[in-house]
Amino acid sequence: MLRNFGTIEQSFAAGRLINNYGPAGGPPTVGVADNNAGTVASNVYWDKDATGTTIGVNTGTPVPGANALGAAQMATQSSFAGYDFGPDGVWVLPPGATHPVLRWQSVP
């Protein structure tokens, strides 16, 4: 997401987000949003290996750097605090998956 003016929660980024709008000298990639004028919940993560950064946002309200997960952490359910992985939960982490998926996405 380039600019966030709303609320982001129970979300993650597993690919690169290019910073095209930040100030000169800003990071070339960011994990969650280039400009965060809204709210990013504590249960939003990004893959620091895939995105190439430990920086969550370029400008605006910051996101904790601890939410930048490595590839092994992205494939571990316990890394996603605040996600509903219960028996009828929203999220699942299928065997061999590189990140969680919505339960409906894993139904054959």
PDB file of N, CA and C in Angstrom:
ATOM      1  N   MET A   1       0.859  -1.164   0.000  1.00  0.00           N
ATOM      2  CA  MET A   1       0.000   0.000   0.000  1.00  0.00           C
ATOM      3  C   MET A   1       0.904   1.224   0.000  1.00  0.00           C
ATOM      4  N   LEU A   2       0.617   2.127  -0.872  1.00  0.00           N
ATOM      5  CA  LEU A   2       1.458   3.310  -0.913  1.00  0.00           C
ATOM      6  C   LEU A   2       1.088   4.314   0.166  1.00  0.00           C
ATOM      7  N   ARG A   3      -0.180   4.632   0.275  1.00  0.00           N
ATOM      8  CA  ARG A   3      -0.605   5.597   1.287  1.00  0.00           C
ATOM      9  C   ARG A   3      -1.747   5.014   2.096  1.00  0.00           C
ATOM     10  N   ASN A   4      -1.619   5.089   3.412  1.00  0.00           N
ATOM     11  CA  ASN A   4      -2.663   4.583   4.298  1.00  0.00           C
ATOM     12  C   ASN A   4      -3.312   5.744   5.023  1.00  0.00           C
ATOM     13  N   PHE A   5      -4.618   5.903   4.822  1.00  0.00           N
ATOM     14  CA  PHE A   5      -5.377   6.918   5.530  1.00  0.00           C
ATOM     15  C   PHE A   5      -6.428   6.281   6.433  1.00  0.00           C
ATOM     16  N   GLY A   6      -6.502   4.947   6.438  1.00  0.00           N
ATOM     17  CA  GLY A   6      -7.501   4.244   7.224  1.00  0.00           C
ATOM     18  C   GLY A   6      -6.856   3.409   8.307  1.00  0.00           C
ATOM     19  N   THR A   7      -7.342   2.174   8.441  1.00  0.00           N
ATOM     20  CA  THR A   7      -6.829   1.244   9.437  1.00  0.00           C
ATOM     21  C   THR A   7      -6.409  -0.043   8.742  1.00  0.00           C
ATOM     22  N   ILE A   8      -5.208  -0.513   9.055  1.00  0.00           N
ATOM     23  CA  ILE A   8      -4.719  -1.795   8.555  1.00  0.00           C
ATOM     24  C   ILE A   8      -4.570  -2.700   9.763  1.00  0.00           C
ATOM     25  N   GLU A   9      -5.173  -3.887   9.700  1.00  0.00           N
ATOM     26  CA  GLU A   9      -5.031  -4.845  10.790  1.00  0.00           C
ATOM     27  C   GLU A   9      -5.088  -6.258  10.230  1.00  0.00           C
ATOM     28  N   GLN A  10      -4.559  -7.201  11.004  1.00  0.00           N
ATOM     29  CA  GLN A  10      -4.472  -8.609  10.603  1.00  0.00           C
ATOM     30  C   GLN A  10      -4.096  -8.706   9.131  1.00  0.00           C
ATOM     31  N   SER A  11      -2.947  -8.158   8.813  1.00  0.00           N
ATOM     32  CA  SER A  11      -2.483  -8.116   7.438  1.00  0.00           C
ATOM     33  C   SER A  11      -0.981  -8.350   7.419  1.00  0.00           C
ATOM     34  N   PHE A  12      -0.478  -8.737   6.258  1.00  0.00           N
ATOM     35  CA  PHE A  12       0.969  -8.883   6.110  1.00  0.00           C
ATOM     36  C   PHE A  12       1.351  -8.637   4.666  1.00  0.00           C
ATOM     37  N   ALA A  13       2.611  -8.286   4.469  1.00  0.00           N
ATOM     38  CA  ALA A  13       3.153  -8.104   3.127  1.00  0.00           C
ATOM     39  C   ALA A  13       4.220  -9.161   2.905  1.00  0.00           C
ATOM     40  N   ALA A  14       4.131  -9.822   1.771  1.00  0.00           N
ATOM     41  CA  ALA A  14       5.093 -10.868   1.451  1.00  0.00           C
ATOM     42  C   ALA A  14       5.851 -10.544   0.169  1.00  0.00           C
ATOM     43  N   GLY A  15       5.731  -9.309  -0.299  1.00  0.00           N
ATOM     44  CA  GLY A  15       6.425  -8.887  -1.512  1.00  0.00           C
ATOM     45  C   GLY A  15       6.884  -7.453  -1.383  1.00  0.00           C
ATOM     46  N   ARG A  16       7.637  -7.017  -2.329  1.00  0.00           N
ATOM     47  CA  ARG A  16       8.267  -5.702  -2.297  1.00  0.00           C
ATOM     48  C   ARG A  16       7.280  -4.578  -2.596  1.00  0.00           C
ATOM     49  N   LEU A  17       7.344  -3.517  -1.804  1.00  0.00           N
ATOM     50  CA  LEU A  17       6.562  -2.301  -2.017  1.00  0.00           C
ATOM     51  C   LEU A  17       7.560  -1.184  -2.302  1.00  0.00           C
ATOM     52  N   ILE A  18       7.522  -0.644  -3.479  1.00  0.00           N
ATOM     53  CA  ILE A  18       8.477   0.386  -3.883  1.00  0.00           C
ATOM     54  C   ILE A  18       8.020   1.752  -3.385  1.00  0.00           C
ATOM     55  N   ASN A  19       8.944   2.489  -2.784  1.00  0.00           N
ATOM     56  CA  ASN A  19       8.680   3.828  -2.279  1.00  0.00           C
ATOM     57  C   ASN A  19       8.873   4.833  -3.414  1.00  0.00           C
ATOM     58  N   ASN A  20       7.782   5.318  -3.960  1.00  0.00           N
ATOM     59  CA  ASN A  20       7.852   6.311  -5.030  1.00  0.00           C
ATOM     60  C   ASN A  20       7.504   7.715  -4.573  1.00  0.00           C
ATOM     61  N   TYR A  21       6.923   7.849  -3.381  1.00  0.00           N
ATOM     62  CA  TYR A  21       6.381   9.131  -2.976  1.00  0.00           C
ATOM     63  C   TYR A  21       7.029   9.735  -1.746  1.00  0.00           C
ATOM     64  N   GLY A  22       7.906   8.998  -1.090  1.00  0.00           N
ATOM     65  CA  GLY A  22       8.533   9.493   0.123  1.00  0.00           C
ATOM     66  C   GLY A  22       9.514  10.612  -0.155  1.00  0.00           C
ATOM     67  N   PRO A  23      10.032  11.233   0.902  1.00  0.00           N
ATOM     68  CA  PRO A  23      10.992  12.318   0.722  1.00  0.00           C
ATOM     69  C   PRO A  23      12.292  11.801   0.133  1.00  0.00           C
ATOM     70  N   ALA A  24      13.021  12.661  -0.505  1.00  0.00           N
ATOM     71  CA  ALA A  24      14.319  12.283  -1.062  1.00  0.00           C
ATOM     72  C   ALA A  24      15.181  11.681   0.037  1.00  0.00           C
ATOM     73  N   GLY A  25      15.838  10.616  -0.257  1.00  0.00           N
ATOM     74  CA  GLY A  25      16.677   9.959   0.729  1.00  0.00           C
ATOM     75  C   GLY A  25      15.938   8.946   1.571  1.00  0.00           C
ATOM     76  N   GLY A  26      14.615   8.804   1.366  1.00  0.00           N
ATOM     77  CA  GLY A  26      13.832   7.802   2.093  1.00  0.00           C
ATOM     78  C   GLY A  26      14.221   6.411   1.621  1.00  0.00           C
ATOM     79  N   PRO A  27      13.798   5.393   2.343  1.00  0.00           N
ATOM     80  CA  PRO A  27      14.154   4.039   1.952  1.00  0.00           C
ATOM     81  C   PRO A  27      13.527   3.675   0.606  1.00  0.00           C
ATOM     82  N   PRO A  28      14.216   2.883  -0.221  1.00  0.00           N
ATOM     83  CA  PRO A  28      13.666   2.515  -1.525  1.00  0.00           C
ATOM     84  C   PRO A  28      12.468   1.576  -1.412  1.00  0.00           C
ATOM     85  N   THR A  29      12.387   0.813  -0.337  1.00  0.00           N
ATOM     86  CA  THR A  29      11.235  -0.060  -0.133  1.00  0.00           C
ATOM     87  C   THR A  29      10.772   0.071   1.308  1.00  0.00           C
ATOM     88  N   VAL A  30       9.512  -0.190   1.524  1.00  0.00           N
ATOM     89  CA  VAL A  30       8.929  -0.162   2.865  1.00  0.00           C
ATOM     90  C   VAL A  30       8.082  -1.414   3.046  1.00  0.00           C
ATOM     91  N   GLY A  31       7.828  -1.790   4.301  1.00  0.00           N
ATOM     92  CA  GLY A  31       7.109  -3.019   4.570  1.00  0.00           C
ATOM     93  C   GLY A  31       5.608  -2.919   4.490  1.00  0.00           C
ATOM     94  N   VAL A  32       5.027  -1.793   4.949  1.00  0.00           N
ATOM     95  CA  VAL A  32       3.571  -1.705   5.058  1.00  0.00           C
ATOM     96  C   VAL A  32       2.991  -0.588   4.189  1.00  0.00           C
ATOM     97  N   ALA A  33       3.470   0.625   4.352  1.00  0.00           N
ATOM     98  CA  ALA A  33       2.937   1.764   3.597  1.00  0.00           C
ATOM     99  C   ALA A  33       4.022   2.811   3.446  1.00  0.00           C
ATOM    100  N   ASP A  34       4.024   3.489   2.317  1.00  0.00           N
ATOM    101  CA  ASP A  34       4.984   4.570   2.129  1.00  0.00           C
ATOM    102  C   ASP A  34       4.652   5.713   3.076  1.00  0.00           C
ATOM    103  N   ASN A  35       3.401   6.161   3.053  1.00  0.00           N
ATOM    104  CA  ASN A  35       2.950   7.227   3.936  1.00  0.00           C
ATOM    105  C   ASN A  35       1.827   6.693   4.800  1.00  0.00           C
ATOM    106  N   ASN A  36       2.019   6.718   6.117  1.00  0.00           N
ATOM    107  CA  ASN A  36       1.005   6.219   7.035  1.00  0.00           C
ATOM    108  C   ASN A  36       0.382   7.380   7.787  1.00  0.00           C
ATOM    109  N   ALA A  37      -0.756   7.843   7.295  1.00  0.00           N
ATOM    110  CA  ALA A  37      -1.499   8.894   7.977  1.00  0.00           C
ATOM    111  C   ALA A  37      -2.642   8.289   8.783  1.00  0.00           C
ATOM    112  N   GLY A  38      -2.767   6.970   8.746  1.00  0.00           N
ATOM    113  CA  GLY A  38      -3.844   6.290   9.451  1.00  0.00           C
ATOM    114  C   GLY A  38      -3.304   5.472  10.614  1.00  0.00           C
ATOM    115  N   THR A  39      -3.898   4.310  10.820  1.00  0.00           N
ATOM    116  CA  THR A  39      -3.538   3.427  11.923  1.00  0.00           C
ATOM    117  C   THR A  39      -3.081   2.086  11.374  1.00  0.00           C
ATOM    118  N   VAL A  40      -1.966   1.607  11.876  1.00  0.00           N
ATOM    119  CA  VAL A  40      -1.491   0.260  11.571  1.00  0.00           C
ATOM    120  C   VAL A  40      -1.484  -0.489  12.893  1.00  0.00           C
ATOM    121  N   ALA A  41      -2.314  -1.525  13.000  1.00  0.00           N
ATOM    122  CA  ALA A  41      -2.437  -2.294  14.235  1.00  0.00           C
ATOM    123  C   ALA A  41      -1.159  -3.073  14.522  1.00  0.00           C
ATOM    124  N   SER A  42      -1.027  -3.521  15.760  1.00  0.00           N
ATOM    125  CA  SER A  42       0.159  -4.264  16.159  1.00  0.00           C
ATOM    126  C   SER A  42       0.218  -5.659  15.537  1.00  0.00           C
ATOM    127  N   ASN A  43      -0.865  -6.099  14.868  1.00  0.00           N
ATOM    128  CA  ASN A  43      -0.868  -7.414  14.244  1.00  0.00           C
ATOM    129  C   ASN A  43      -0.685  -7.329  12.725  1.00  0.00           C
ATOM    130  N   VAL A  44       0.122  -6.355  12.283  1.00  0.00           N
ATOM    131  CA  VAL A  44       0.479  -6.205  10.879  1.00  0.00           C
ATOM    132  C   VAL A  44       1.975  -6.484  10.756  1.00  0.00           C
ATOM    133  N   TYR A  45       2.329  -7.364   9.819  1.00  0.00           N
ATOM    134  CA  TYR A  45       3.710  -7.826   9.672  1.00  0.00           C
ATOM    135  C   TYR A  45       4.143  -7.725   8.216  1.00  0.00           C
ATOM    136  N   TRP A  46       5.444  -7.838   7.986  1.00  0.00           N
ATOM    137  CA  TRP A  46       5.950  -7.918   6.624  1.00  0.00           C
ATOM    138  C   TRP A  46       7.190  -8.794   6.615  1.00  0.00           C
ATOM    139  N   ASP A  47       7.416  -9.418   5.475  1.00  0.00           N
ATOM    140  CA  ASP A  47       8.555 -10.304   5.277  1.00  0.00           C
ATOM    141  C   ASP A  47       9.762  -9.442   4.914  1.00  0.00           C
ATOM    142  N   LYS A  48      10.677  -9.286   5.857  1.00  0.00           N
ATOM    143  CA  LYS A  48      11.825  -8.404   5.624  1.00  0.00           C
ATOM    144  C   LYS A  48      12.764  -8.957   4.561  1.00  0.00           C
ATOM    145  N   ASP A  49      12.746 -10.272   4.345  1.00  0.00           N
ATOM    146  CA  ASP A  49      13.589 -10.851   3.298  1.00  0.00           C
ATOM    147  C   ASP A  49      12.988 -10.571   1.922  1.00  0.00           C
ATOM    148  N   ALA A  50      11.679 -10.768   1.768  1.00  0.00           N
ATOM    149  CA  ALA A  50      11.015 -10.546   0.477  1.00  0.00           C
ATOM    150  C   ALA A  50      10.894  -9.068   0.149  1.00  0.00           C
ATOM    151  N   THR A  51      10.612  -8.237   1.166  1.00  0.00           N
ATOM    152  CA  THR A  51      10.449  -6.808   0.910  1.00  0.00           C
ATOM    153  C   THR A  51      11.793  -6.085   0.860  1.00  0.00           C
ATOM    154  N   GLY A  52      12.808  -6.674   1.468  1.00  0.00           N
ATOM    155  CA  GLY A  52      14.130  -6.056   1.465  1.00  0.00           C
ATOM    156  C   GLY A  52      14.281  -4.933   2.474  1.00  0.00           C
ATOM    157  N   THR A  53      13.415  -4.885   3.499  1.00  0.00           N
ATOM    158  CA  THR A  53      13.497  -3.781   4.450  1.00  0.00           C
ATOM    159  C   THR A  53      13.000  -4.174   5.841  1.00  0.00           C
ATOM    160  N   THR A  54      13.518  -3.481   6.834  1.00  0.00           N
ATOM    161  CA  THR A  54      13.016  -3.615   8.199  1.00  0.00           C
ATOM    162  C   THR A  54      12.222  -2.372   8.580  1.00  0.00           C
ATOM    163  N   ILE A  55      12.027  -1.461   7.620  1.00  0.00           N
ATOM    164  CA  ILE A  55      11.301  -0.218   7.847  1.00  0.00           C
ATOM    165  C   ILE A  55       9.845  -0.414   7.431  1.00  0.00           C
ATOM    166  N   GLY A  56       8.922  -0.232   8.393  1.00  0.00           N
ATOM    167  CA  GLY A  56       7.506  -0.446   8.125  1.00  0.00           C
ATOM    168  C   GLY A  56       6.874   0.626   7.275  1.00  0.00           C
ATOM    169  N   VAL A  57       7.147   1.887   7.614  1.00  0.00           N
ATOM    170  CA  VAL A  57       6.602   3.013   6.855  1.00  0.00           C
ATOM    171  C   VAL A  57       7.710   4.033   6.647  1.00  0.00           C
ATOM    172  N   ASN A  58       7.577   4.817   5.600  1.00  0.00           N
ATOM    173  CA  ASN A  58       8.567   5.843   5.301  1.00  0.00           C
ATOM    174  C   ASN A  58       8.261   7.122   6.070  1.00  0.00           C
ATOM    175  N   THR A  59       7.012   7.570   6.006  1.00  0.00           N
ATOM    176  CA  THR A  59       6.617   8.793   6.704  1.00  0.00           C
ATOM    177  C   THR A  59       5.318   8.547   7.448  1.00  0.00           C
ATOM    178  N   GLY A  60       5.089   9.327   8.479  1.00  0.00           N
ATOM    179  CA  GLY A  60       3.865   9.217   9.258  1.00  0.00           C
ATOM    180  C   GLY A  60       4.070   8.348  10.485  1.00  0.00           C
ATOM    181  N   THR A  61       2.961   7.859  11.024  1.00  0.00           N
ATOM    182  CA  THR A  61       2.994   7.051  12.236  1.00  0.00           C
ATOM    183  C   THR A  61       3.806   5.790  12.004  1.00  0.00           C
ATOM    184  N   PRO A  62       4.849   5.551  12.792  1.00  0.00           N
ATOM    185  CA  PRO A  62       5.718   4.399  12.560  1.00  0.00           C
ATOM    186  C   PRO A  62       5.076   3.070  12.961  1.00  0.00           C
ATOM    187  N   VAL A  63       5.651   2.008  12.453  1.00  0.00           N
ATOM    188  CA  VAL A  63       5.276   0.639  12.779  1.00  0.00           C
ATOM    189  C   VAL A  63       6.509   0.009  13.413  1.00  0.00           C
ATOM    190  N   PRO A  64       6.356  -0.744  14.505  1.00  0.00           N
ATOM    191  CA  PRO A  64       7.533  -1.321  15.157  1.00  0.00           C
ATOM    192  C   PRO A  64       8.371  -2.183  14.219  1.00  0.00           C
ATOM    193  N   GLY A  65       9.676  -1.979  14.247  1.00  0.00           N
ATOM    194  CA  GLY A  65      10.589  -2.778  13.442  1.00  0.00           C
ATOM    195  C   GLY A  65      10.521  -4.255  13.783  1.00  0.00           C
ATOM    196  N   ALA A  66      10.061  -4.579  14.995  1.00  0.00           N
ATOM    197  CA  ALA A  66       9.920  -5.983  15.401  1.00  0.00           C
ATOM    198  C   ALA A  66       8.873  -6.706  14.563  1.00  0.00           C
ATOM    199  N   ASN A  67       8.033  -5.974  13.854  1.00  0.00           N
ATOM    200  CA  ASN A  67       7.017  -6.595  13.011  1.00  0.00           C
ATOM    201  C   ASN A  67       7.579  -7.027  11.660  1.00  0.00           C
ATOM    202  N   ALA A  68       8.851  -6.739  11.422  1.00  0.00           N
ATOM    203  CA  ALA A  68       9.534  -7.232  10.229  1.00  0.00           C
ATOM    204  C   ALA A  68      10.008  -8.651  10.534  1.00  0.00           C
ATOM    205  N   LEU A  69       9.448  -9.625   9.839  1.00  0.00           N
ATOM    206  CA  LEU A  69       9.758 -11.033  10.102  1.00  0.00           C
ATOM    207  C   LEU A  69      10.654 -11.598   9.009  1.00  0.00           C
ATOM    208  N   GLY A  70      11.527 -12.506   9.390  1.00  0.00           N
ATOM    209  CA  GLY A  70      12.334 -13.222   8.413  1.00  0.00           C
ATOM    210  C   GLY A  70      11.509 -14.326   7.779  1.00  0.00           C
ATOM    211  N   ALA A  71      12.036 -14.938   6.738  1.00  0.00           N
ATOM    212  CA  ALA A  71      11.302 -15.975   6.007  1.00  0.00           C
ATOM    213  C   ALA A  71      10.875 -17.119   6.927  1.00  0.00           C
ATOM    214  N   ALA A  72      11.748 -17.554   7.827  1.00  0.00           N
ATOM    215  CA  ALA A  72      11.394 -18.653   8.738  1.00  0.00           C
ATOM    216  C   ALA A  72      10.267 -18.238   9.683  1.00  0.00           C
ATOM    217  N   GLN A  73      10.301 -16.988  10.154  1.00  0.00           N
ATOM    218  CA  GLN A  73       9.239 -16.498  11.031  1.00  0.00           C
ATOM    219  C   GLN A  73       7.905 -16.384  10.287  1.00  0.00           C
ATOM    220  N   MET A  74       7.944 -15.999   9.019  1.00  0.00           N
ATOM    221  CA  MET A  74       6.721 -15.891   8.226  1.00  0.00           C
ATOM    222  C   MET A  74       6.041 -17.245   8.077  1.00  0.00           C
ATOM    223  N   ALA A  75       6.805 -18.317   8.160  1.00  0.00           N
ATOM    224  CA  ALA A  75       6.259 -19.670   8.007  1.00  0.00           C
ATOM    225  C   ALA A  75       5.927 -20.308   9.350  1.00  0.00           C
ATOM    226  N   THR A  76       5.903 -19.495  10.414  1.00  0.00           N
ATOM    227  CA  THR A  76       5.642 -19.987  11.762  1.00  0.00           C
ATOM    228  C   THR A  76       4.405 -19.302  12.332  1.00  0.00           C
ATOM    229  N   GLN A  77       3.414 -20.090  12.666  1.00  0.00           N
ATOM    230  CA  GLN A  77       2.137 -19.568  13.144  1.00  0.00           C
ATOM    231  C   GLN A  77       2.298 -18.656  14.353  1.00  0.00           C
ATOM    232  N   SER A  78       3.175 -19.003  15.279  1.00  0.00           N
ATOM    233  CA  SER A  78       3.322 -18.225  16.512  1.00  0.00           C
ATOM    234  C   SER A  78       3.877 -16.823  16.271  1.00  0.00           C
ATOM    235  N   SER A  79       4.408 -16.547  15.096  1.00  0.00           N
ATOM    236  CA  SER A  79       4.918 -15.213  14.771  1.00  0.00           C
ATOM    237  C   SER A  79       3.794 -14.206  14.575  1.00  0.00           C
ATOM    238  N   PHE A  80       2.573 -14.695  14.343  1.00  0.00           N
ATOM    239  CA  PHE A  80       1.461 -13.825  13.981  1.00  0.00           C
ATOM    240  C   PHE A  80       0.512 -13.609  15.155  1.00  0.00           C
ATOM    241  N   ALA A  81       1.001 -12.890  16.155  1.00  0.00           N
ATOM    242  CA  ALA A  81       0.186 -12.571  17.333  1.00  0.00           C
ATOM    243  C   ALA A  81      -1.041 -11.788  16.882  1.00  0.00           C
ATOM    244  N   GLY A  82      -2.195 -12.155  17.423  1.00  0.00           N
ATOM    245  CA  GLY A  82      -3.424 -11.462  17.095  1.00  0.00           C
ATOM    246  C   GLY A  82      -4.190 -12.065  15.929  1.00  0.00           C
ATOM    247  N   TYR A  83      -3.628 -13.078  15.270  1.00  0.00           N
ATOM    248  CA  TYR A  83      -4.324 -13.751  14.166  1.00  0.00           C
ATOM    249  C   TYR A  83      -5.154 -14.890  14.737  1.00  0.00           C
ATOM    250  N   ASP A  84      -6.314 -15.116  14.164  1.00  0.00           N
ATOM    251  CA  ASP A  84      -7.205 -16.177  14.618  1.00  0.00           C
ATOM    252  C   ASP A  84      -6.921 -17.467  13.844  1.00  0.00           C
ATOM    253  N   PHE A  85      -6.093 -18.344  14.462  1.00  0.00           N
ATOM    254  CA  PHE A  85      -5.764 -19.634  13.876  1.00  0.00           C
ATOM    255  C   PHE A  85      -6.576 -20.763  14.511  1.00  0.00           C
ATOM    256  N   GLY A  86      -7.646 -20.439  15.236  1.00  0.00           N
ATOM    257  CA  GLY A  86      -8.453 -21.449  15.918  1.00  0.00           C
ATOM    258  C   GLY A  86      -9.065 -22.445  14.941  1.00  0.00           C
ATOM    259  N   PRO A  87      -9.707 -23.484  15.473  1.00  0.00           N
ATOM    260  CA  PRO A  87     -10.294 -24.532  14.628  1.00  0.00           C
ATOM    261  C   PRO A  87     -11.250 -23.999  13.556  1.00  0.00           C
ATOM    262  N   ASP A  88     -11.952 -22.946  13.861  1.00  0.00           N
ATOM    263  CA  ASP A  88     -12.835 -22.307  12.884  1.00  0.00           C
ATOM    264  C   ASP A  88     -12.380 -20.887  12.590  1.00  0.00           C
ATOM    265  N   GLY A  89     -11.098 -20.635  12.809  1.00  0.00           N
ATOM    266  CA  GLY A  89     -10.551 -19.289  12.675  1.00  0.00           C
ATOM    267  C   GLY A  89     -10.450 -18.820  11.239  1.00  0.00           C
ATOM    268  N   VAL A  90     -10.043 -17.584  11.098  1.00  0.00           N
ATOM    269  CA  VAL A  90      -9.926 -16.933   9.799  1.00  0.00           C
ATOM    270  C   VAL A  90      -8.677 -17.398   9.050  1.00  0.00           C
ATOM    271  N   TRP A  91      -7.593 -17.668   9.789  1.00  0.00           N
ATOM    272  CA  TRP A  91      -6.289 -17.969   9.195  1.00  0.00           C
ATOM    273  C   TRP A  91      -5.882 -19.423   9.384  1.00  0.00           C
ATOM    274  N   VAL A  92      -5.085 -19.935   8.436  1.00  0.00           N
ATOM    275  CA  VAL A  92      -4.438 -21.239   8.556  1.00  0.00           C
ATOM    276  C   VAL A  92      -3.023 -21.095   8.016  1.00  0.00           C
ATOM    277  N   LEU A  93      -2.156 -21.993   8.447  1.00  0.00           N
ATOM    278  CA  LEU A  93      -0.795 -22.052   7.923  1.00  0.00           C
ATOM    279  C   LEU A  93      -0.569 -23.491   7.465  1.00  0.00           C
ATOM    280  N   PRO A  94      -0.886 -23.770   6.196  1.00  0.00           N
ATOM    281  CA  PRO A  94      -0.755 -25.132   5.694  1.00  0.00           C
ATOM    282  C   PRO A  94       0.698 -25.620   5.768  1.00  0.00           C
ATOM    283  N   PRO A  95       0.894 -26.922   5.904  1.00  0.00           N
ATOM    284  CA  PRO A  95       2.255 -27.471   5.921  1.00  0.00           C
ATOM    285  C   PRO A  95       3.020 -27.038   4.664  1.00  0.00           C
ATOM    286  N   GLY A  96       4.229 -26.568   4.871  1.00  0.00           N
ATOM    287  CA  GLY A  96       5.079 -26.138   3.767  1.00  0.00           C
ATOM    288  C   GLY A  96       4.796 -24.740   3.248  1.00  0.00           C
ATOM    289  N   ALA A  97       3.797 -24.054   3.813  1.00  0.00           N
ATOM    290  CA  ALA A  97       3.458 -22.701   3.351  1.00  0.00           C
ATOM    291  C   ALA A  97       4.514 -21.709   3.811  1.00  0.00           C
ATOM    292  N   THR A  98       4.691 -20.643   3.057  1.00  0.00           N
ATOM    293  CA  THR A  98       5.665 -19.609   3.402  1.00  0.00           C
ATOM    294  C   THR A  98       5.057 -18.483   4.217  1.00  0.00           C
ATOM    295  N   HIS A  99       3.724 -18.479   4.347  1.00  0.00           N
ATOM    296  CA  HIS A  99       3.014 -17.473   5.137  1.00  0.00           C
ATOM    297  C   HIS A  99       1.583 -17.942   5.332  1.00  0.00           C
ATOM    298  N   PRO A 100       0.853 -17.338   6.281  1.00  0.00           N
ATOM    299  CA  PRO A 100      -0.549 -17.725   6.494  1.00  0.00           C
ATOM    300  C   PRO A 100      -1.400 -17.424   5.258  1.00  0.00           C
ATOM    301  N   VAL A 101      -2.516 -18.126   5.167  1.00  0.00           N
ATOM    302  CA  VAL A 101      -3.517 -17.841   4.142  1.00  0.00           C
ATOM    303  C   VAL A 101      -4.878 -17.815   4.825  1.00  0.00           C
ATOM    304  N   LEU A 102      -5.814 -17.160   4.207  1.00  0.00           N
ATOM    305  CA  LEU A 102      -7.180 -17.166   4.727  1.00  0.00           C
ATOM    306  C   LEU A 102      -7.720 -18.585   4.630  1.00  0.00           C
ATOM    307  N   ARG A 103      -8.464 -19.003   5.641  1.00  0.00           N
ATOM    308  CA  ARG A 103      -8.968 -20.373   5.685  1.00  0.00           C
ATOM    309  C   ARG A 103      -9.665 -20.778   4.391  1.00  0.00           C
ATOM    310  N   TRP A 104     -10.482 -19.893   3.841  1.00  0.00           N
ATOM    311  CA  TRP A 104     -11.224 -20.242   2.618  1.00  0.00           C
ATOM    312  C   TRP A 104     -10.298 -20.504   1.446  1.00  0.00           C
ATOM    313  N   GLN A 105      -9.077 -19.937   1.475  1.00  0.00           N
ATOM    314  CA  GLN A 105      -8.125 -20.151   0.391  1.00  0.00           C
ATOM    315  C   GLN A 105      -7.501 -21.543   0.416  1.00  0.00           C
ATOM    316  N   SER A 106      -7.568 -22.213   1.573  1.00  0.00           N
ATOM    317  CA  SER A 106      -6.901 -23.509   1.709  1.00  0.00           C
ATOM    318  C   SER A 106      -7.858 -24.679   1.501  1.00  0.00           C
ATOM    319  N   VAL A 107      -9.130 -24.396   1.272  1.00  0.00           N
ATOM    320  CA  VAL A 107     -10.106 -25.462   1.063  1.00  0.00           C
ATOM    321  C   VAL A 107      -9.921 -26.032  -0.340  1.00  0.00           C
ATOM    322  N   PRO A 108      -9.721 -27.370  -0.427  1.00  0.00           N
ATOM    323  CA  PRO A 108      -9.489 -27.963  -1.766  1.00  0.00           C
ATOM    324  C   PRO A 108     -10.697 -27.884  -2.670  1.00  0.00           C
TER     325      PRO A 108
END
